[in-house]
Amino acid sequence: MDLKPVLTIAGSDSSGGAGIQADIKTMLANDVYAMAVITTMTAQNTQGVPPDGFLDSTPEFLAKQLDAVFEDIPPAAVKVGMVSTVDIVDVVAEKLRQYGAKNIVVDPVMVATSGDKLVYDSAIDEMEAKLFPLATLLTPNTHELEVLSGDKISDTNSVAEAAKKLYEKYGCAILATGGAEATDLLYDGNARWFRGRKVDTKNTHGAGCTLSSAIAANLAKGQALGDAISNAKRYVTGALSAGLSLGKGNGPLDHGYNLRK
């Protein structure tokens, strides 16, 4: 059986809705073999992450995790999520270059659904310098698009202008995600809009992680970028529409909805 291996490099969400846990569930549901390298452990739930709720992997152990994967089961695609410190960014970027990783989807995680900050400002600068230029696709949400472009996002024109700016700056395709509005813009030298069905739910914890992981899974299976995005959006819409409701805050998606049909 030709099951493509896909690696997620991200933080752990103890409540299972985002991060590594969401990535693995998404990859399983999208018919690839999931592998995981943990950058940070978080004591997290649907209500947020407390200020003392983080424990970063040491750079040395992070490097050992990455070596262990790439030297034995080279991934057909890589999803990168939470990389919260300069040292973590440096190790991840170094190993992706060392092993010639391909189909790299970077979700520039900066703030959780709850609004809690997940990355140091210095790490953002390091991501811009060393990680983003390695990406096949960068998937910023509206807040992240504003931070990275320095522009205020107010309408579709400003989304397109900011996405073009990042494409020219980093040299990778940009998928500016619309979040609850379900309309995303891909800029890869040309602008393409991907319109989805808006789902009326507060349970969106981990939606960005889920989308980027689904795209990585589809790229690993050989899908063209546009198809990988379209199919990932359909999967996320289904996971949101399934009606799972857990926790006291912004609950998680139902990542396995399609496995029970």
Protein backbone atom coordinates (compact mmCIF):
# COMPACT_ATOMS: atom_id res chain seq x y z
CA MET A 1 0.00 0.00 0.00
CA ASP A 2 1.40 3.37 -1.04
CA LEU A 3 0.62 5.54 1.99
CA LYS A 4 2.54 8.80 1.74
CA PRO A 5 4.37 9.89 4.93
CA VAL A 6 3.77 13.47 6.08
CA LEU A 7 5.56 15.21 8.95
CA THR A 8 4.10 17.84 11.24
CA ILE A 9 6.50 20.04 13.20
CA ALA A 10 4.42 21.88 15.75
CA GLY A 11 3.33 22.37 19.35
CA SER A 12 1.25 19.93 21.38
CA ASP A 13 -2.28 20.92 22.43
CA SER A 14 -3.21 18.90 25.53
CA SER A 15 -6.93 19.31 24.76
CA GLY A 16 -6.47 17.77 21.31
CA GLY A 17 -8.09 20.47 19.19
CA ALA A 18 -5.09 22.17 17.62
CA GLY A 19 -1.38 21.66 17.03
CA ILE A 20 0.16 18.21 16.74
CA GLN A 21 -3.02 16.43 17.77
CA ALA A 22 -5.17 18.20 15.16
CA ASP A 23 -2.49 17.61 12.53
CA ILE A 24 -2.28 13.87 13.13
CA LYS A 25 -6.07 13.46 13.09
CA THR A 26 -6.31 15.51 9.90
CA MET A 27 -3.59 13.53 8.16
CA LEU A 28 -5.21 10.22 9.08
CA ALA A 29 -8.58 11.47 7.79
CA ASN A 30 -6.89 12.55 4.54
CA ASP A 31 -5.28 9.19 3.86
CA VAL A 32 -1.59 9.79 4.61
CA TYR A 33 0.79 8.45 7.27
CA ALA A 34 1.35 11.07 9.99
CA MET A 35 4.65 11.66 11.79
CA ALA A 36 5.20 14.32 14.46
CA VAL A 37 8.07 16.38 15.87
CA ILE A 38 7.04 18.40 18.93
CA THR A 39 8.47 21.90 19.31
CA THR A 40 6.53 22.94 22.42
CA MET A 41 4.15 21.38 24.92
CA THR A 42 1.21 23.53 25.95
CA ALA A 43 -1.20 23.16 28.88
CA GLN A 44 -4.11 24.24 26.71
CA ASN A 45 -7.85 23.82 26.41
CA THR A 46 -10.76 25.43 24.59
CA GLN A 47 -10.53 28.47 26.88
CA GLY A 48 -6.91 29.30 26.20
CA VAL A 49 -3.31 28.90 27.33
CA PRO A 50 -2.15 30.31 30.70
CA PRO A 51 1.07 32.38 30.80
CA ASP A 52 2.93 29.47 32.42
CA GLY A 53 1.39 26.89 30.10
CA PHE A 54 4.37 26.39 27.77
CA LEU A 55 7.36 24.05 27.84
CA ASP A 56 9.68 24.30 24.82
CA SER A 57 11.75 21.43 23.49
CA THR A 58 15.48 22.04 23.79
CA PRO A 59 17.15 22.78 20.45
CA GLU A 60 19.31 19.67 20.88
CA PHE A 61 16.38 17.32 21.42
CA LEU A 62 14.38 18.99 18.66
CA ALA A 63 17.26 18.27 16.29
CA LYS A 64 17.33 14.62 17.40
CA GLN A 65 13.61 14.27 16.68
CA LEU A 66 14.04 15.70 13.19
CA ASP A 67 17.07 13.54 12.41
CA ALA A 68 15.21 10.43 13.57
CA VAL A 69 12.38 11.08 11.13
CA PHE A 70 14.29 12.26 8.07
CA GLU A 71 16.97 9.56 8.28
CA ASP A 72 14.42 6.74 8.37
CA ILE A 73 11.12 7.85 6.78
CA PRO A 74 11.69 10.91 4.55
CA PRO A 75 8.37 12.78 4.40
CA ALA A 76 6.62 13.53 1.13
CA ALA A 77 5.39 16.80 2.68
CA VAL A 78 6.00 18.81 5.83
CA LYS A 79 3.63 21.02 7.80
CA VAL A 80 5.26 23.53 10.17
CA GLY A 81 3.15 25.10 12.89
CA MET A 82 4.11 26.59 16.25
CA VAL A 83 7.82 27.51 16.41
CA SER A 84 7.91 29.92 19.32
CA THR A 85 11.59 30.81 19.87
CA VAL A 86 14.57 31.86 17.79
CA ASP A 87 16.46 28.67 18.64
CA ILE A 88 13.54 26.47 17.58
CA VAL A 89 13.17 28.33 14.29
CA ASP A 90 16.89 27.99 13.61
CA VAL A 91 16.91 24.21 14.18
CA VAL A 92 13.80 23.62 12.08
CA ALA A 93 15.08 25.72 9.18
CA GLU A 94 18.53 24.11 9.33
CA LYS A 95 17.14 20.56 9.24
CA LEU A 96 14.66 21.31 6.45
CA ARG A 97 17.56 22.61 4.35
CA GLN A 98 19.89 19.77 5.35
CA TYR A 99 17.45 17.07 4.25
CA GLY A 100 16.06 18.88 1.20
CA ALA A 101 12.50 18.77 2.52
CA LYS A 102 9.79 19.31 -0.10
CA ASN A 103 6.15 20.40 -0.12
CA ILE A 104 6.62 22.54 3.00
CA VAL A 105 3.42 24.19 4.25
CA VAL A 106 4.07 26.78 6.96
CA ASP A 107 1.24 27.94 9.18
CA PRO A 108 2.74 31.05 10.85
CA VAL A 109 1.10 30.42 14.22
CA MET A 110 1.21 33.58 16.33
CA VAL A 111 -2.03 33.72 18.32
CA ALA A 112 -4.38 30.95 19.47
CA THR A 113 -8.12 31.02 18.71
CA SER A 114 -8.58 32.21 22.30
CA GLY A 115 -6.35 35.24 21.62
CA ASP A 116 -3.36 33.99 23.62
CA LYS A 117 0.04 34.81 22.13
CA LEU A 118 2.02 31.74 21.07
CA VAL A 119 5.31 33.13 19.76
CA TYR A 120 8.02 35.61 20.76
CA ASP A 121 8.43 38.69 18.56
CA SER A 122 12.08 37.80 17.97
CA ALA A 123 10.99 34.41 16.60
CA ILE A 124 8.76 36.13 14.04
CA ASP A 125 11.78 37.99 12.67
CA GLU A 126 13.71 34.71 12.52
CA MET A 127 10.87 32.95 10.72
CA GLU A 128 10.80 35.70 8.12
CA ALA A 129 14.55 35.45 7.58
CA LYS A 130 15.10 31.69 7.66
CA LEU A 131 11.89 29.64 7.55
CA PHE A 132 9.39 31.34 5.25
CA PRO A 133 11.77 31.39 2.24
CA LEU A 134 11.92 27.57 2.45
CA ALA A 135 8.15 27.20 2.23
CA THR A 136 6.10 25.98 -0.69
CA LEU A 137 3.06 27.65 0.84
CA LEU A 138 2.51 30.09 3.72
CA THR A 139 -1.00 30.17 5.25
CA PRO A 140 -1.46 33.36 7.33
CA ASN A 141 -4.84 34.31 8.75
CA THR A 142 -5.97 37.94 8.68
CA HIS A 143 -4.15 38.88 11.90
CA GLU A 144 -0.94 37.18 10.78
CA LEU A 145 -1.21 38.78 7.34
CA GLU A 146 -1.39 42.20 8.99
CA VAL A 147 1.61 41.49 11.24
CA LEU A 148 3.79 40.17 8.44
CA SER A 149 2.84 42.75 5.80
CA GLY A 150 2.57 45.76 8.10
CA ASP A 151 -0.68 46.64 6.36
CA LYS A 152 -4.19 47.02 7.71
CA ILE A 153 -6.54 44.46 6.16
CA SER A 154 -9.93 45.99 5.52
CA ASP A 155 -11.23 44.54 2.23
CA THR A 156 -10.42 42.11 -0.57
CA ASN A 157 -8.08 44.57 -2.27
CA SER A 158 -5.96 44.97 0.86
CA VAL A 159 -5.83 41.16 1.25
CA ALA A 160 -4.55 40.81 -2.31
CA GLU A 161 -1.99 43.59 -1.91
CA ALA A 162 -0.65 42.17 1.35
CA ALA A 163 -0.46 38.64 -0.07
CA LYS A 164 1.44 39.88 -3.11
CA LYS A 165 3.85 41.74 -0.84
CA LEU A 166 4.61 38.58 1.13
CA TYR A 167 4.98 36.51 -2.06
CA GLU A 168 7.56 38.92 -3.36
CA LYS A 169 9.32 39.10 0.01
CA TYR A 170 9.59 35.37 0.78
CA GLY A 171 9.39 33.80 -2.68
CA CYS A 172 6.69 31.30 -1.73
CA ALA A 173 2.99 31.02 -2.50
CA ILE A 174 0.70 32.74 0.00
CA LEU A 175 -2.74 31.51 1.06
CA ALA A 176 -4.40 34.36 2.94
CA THR A 177 -7.12 32.62 4.91
CA GLY A 178 -10.42 34.27 5.68
CA GLY A 179 -11.27 32.36 8.83
CA ALA A 180 -14.97 32.47 9.62
CA GLU A 181 -15.74 34.10 6.26
CA ALA A 182 -14.49 30.93 4.46
CA THR A 183 -12.99 32.89 1.56
CA ASP A 184 -9.25 32.49 0.98
CA LEU A 185 -6.85 34.09 -1.51
CA LEU A 186 -3.95 32.21 -3.08
CA TYR A 187 -1.22 34.42 -4.50
CA ASP A 188 1.50 32.58 -6.41
CA GLY A 189 2.25 35.20 -9.03
CA ASN A 190 -1.45 35.32 -9.85
CA ALA A 191 -4.39 35.85 -7.52
CA ARG A 192 -7.01 33.09 -7.14
CA TRP A 193 -9.94 33.20 -4.76
CA PHE A 194 -11.23 30.05 -3.07
CA ARG A 195 -14.74 30.51 -1.79
CA GLY A 196 -16.22 28.13 0.73
CA ARG A 197 -19.43 27.77 2.69
CA LYS A 198 -19.53 29.78 5.91
CA VAL A 199 -20.34 27.59 8.91
CA ASP A 200 -22.15 29.24 11.82
CA THR A 201 -20.25 27.84 14.80
CA LYS A 202 -18.01 29.04 17.63
CA ASN A 203 -16.18 25.72 17.59
CA THR A 204 -13.23 26.66 15.40
CA HIS A 205 -10.33 25.77 17.72
CA GLY A 206 -7.53 24.46 15.51
CA ALA A 207 -9.15 25.30 12.17
CA GLY A 208 -5.95 26.87 10.83
CA CYS A 209 -3.84 23.88 11.88
CA THR A 210 -6.37 21.58 10.26
CA LEU A 211 -6.40 23.46 6.95
CA SER A 212 -2.61 23.60 6.61
CA SER A 213 -2.26 19.91 7.53
CA ALA A 214 -4.90 18.89 5.00
CA ILE A 215 -3.12 20.89 2.30
CA ALA A 216 0.20 19.21 3.17
CA ALA A 217 -1.48 15.79 3.00
CA ASN A 218 -2.90 16.57 -0.42
CA LEU A 219 0.44 17.83 -1.74
CA ALA A 220 2.08 14.61 -0.52
CA LYS A 221 -0.43 12.66 -2.61
CA GLY A 222 0.66 14.57 -5.71
CA GLN A 223 -2.17 17.06 -6.02
CA ALA A 224 -1.48 20.42 -7.65
CA LEU A 225 -1.49 23.34 -5.24
CA GLY A 226 -4.90 24.67 -6.26
CA ASP A 227 -6.50 21.24 -6.00
CA ALA A 228 -4.78 20.59 -2.66
CA ILE A 229 -6.30 23.81 -1.29
CA SER A 230 -9.79 23.19 -2.69
CA ASN A 231 -9.94 19.67 -1.30
CA ALA A 232 -8.55 20.79 2.07
CA LYS A 233 -11.18 23.52 2.32
CA ARG A 234 -13.94 20.99 1.66
CA TYR A 235 -12.58 18.76 4.40
CA VAL A 236 -12.40 21.64 6.91
CA THR A 237 -15.95 22.73 6.05
CA GLY A 238 -17.15 19.20 6.74
CA ALA A 239 -15.24 19.04 10.04
CA LEU A 240 -16.78 22.36 11.13
CA SER A 241 -20.27 21.37 9.96
CA ALA A 242 -20.29 18.06 11.84
CA GLY A 243 -21.52 19.86 14.95
CA LEU A 244 -19.04 18.64 17.53
CA SER A 245 -19.35 20.70 20.72
CA LEU A 246 -16.79 20.11 23.48
CA GLY A 247 -15.41 22.33 26.22
CA LYS A 248 -16.42 25.66 27.70
CA GLY A 249 -14.78 27.90 25.09
CA ASN A 250 -14.08 27.66 21.37
CA GLY A 251 -14.40 23.93 20.84
CA PRO A 252 -12.52 21.71 18.37
CA LEU A 253 -13.51 20.46 14.94
CA ASP A 254 -14.67 16.91 14.29
CA HIS A 255 -11.57 15.74 12.43
CA GLY A 256 -12.87 12.22 11.87
CA TYR A 257 -16.31 13.07 10.52
CA ASN A 258 -15.53 11.62 7.09
CA LEU A 259 -14.25 8.33 8.52
CA ARG A 260 -17.66 7.51 9.98
CA LYS A 261 -19.64 7.96 6.76
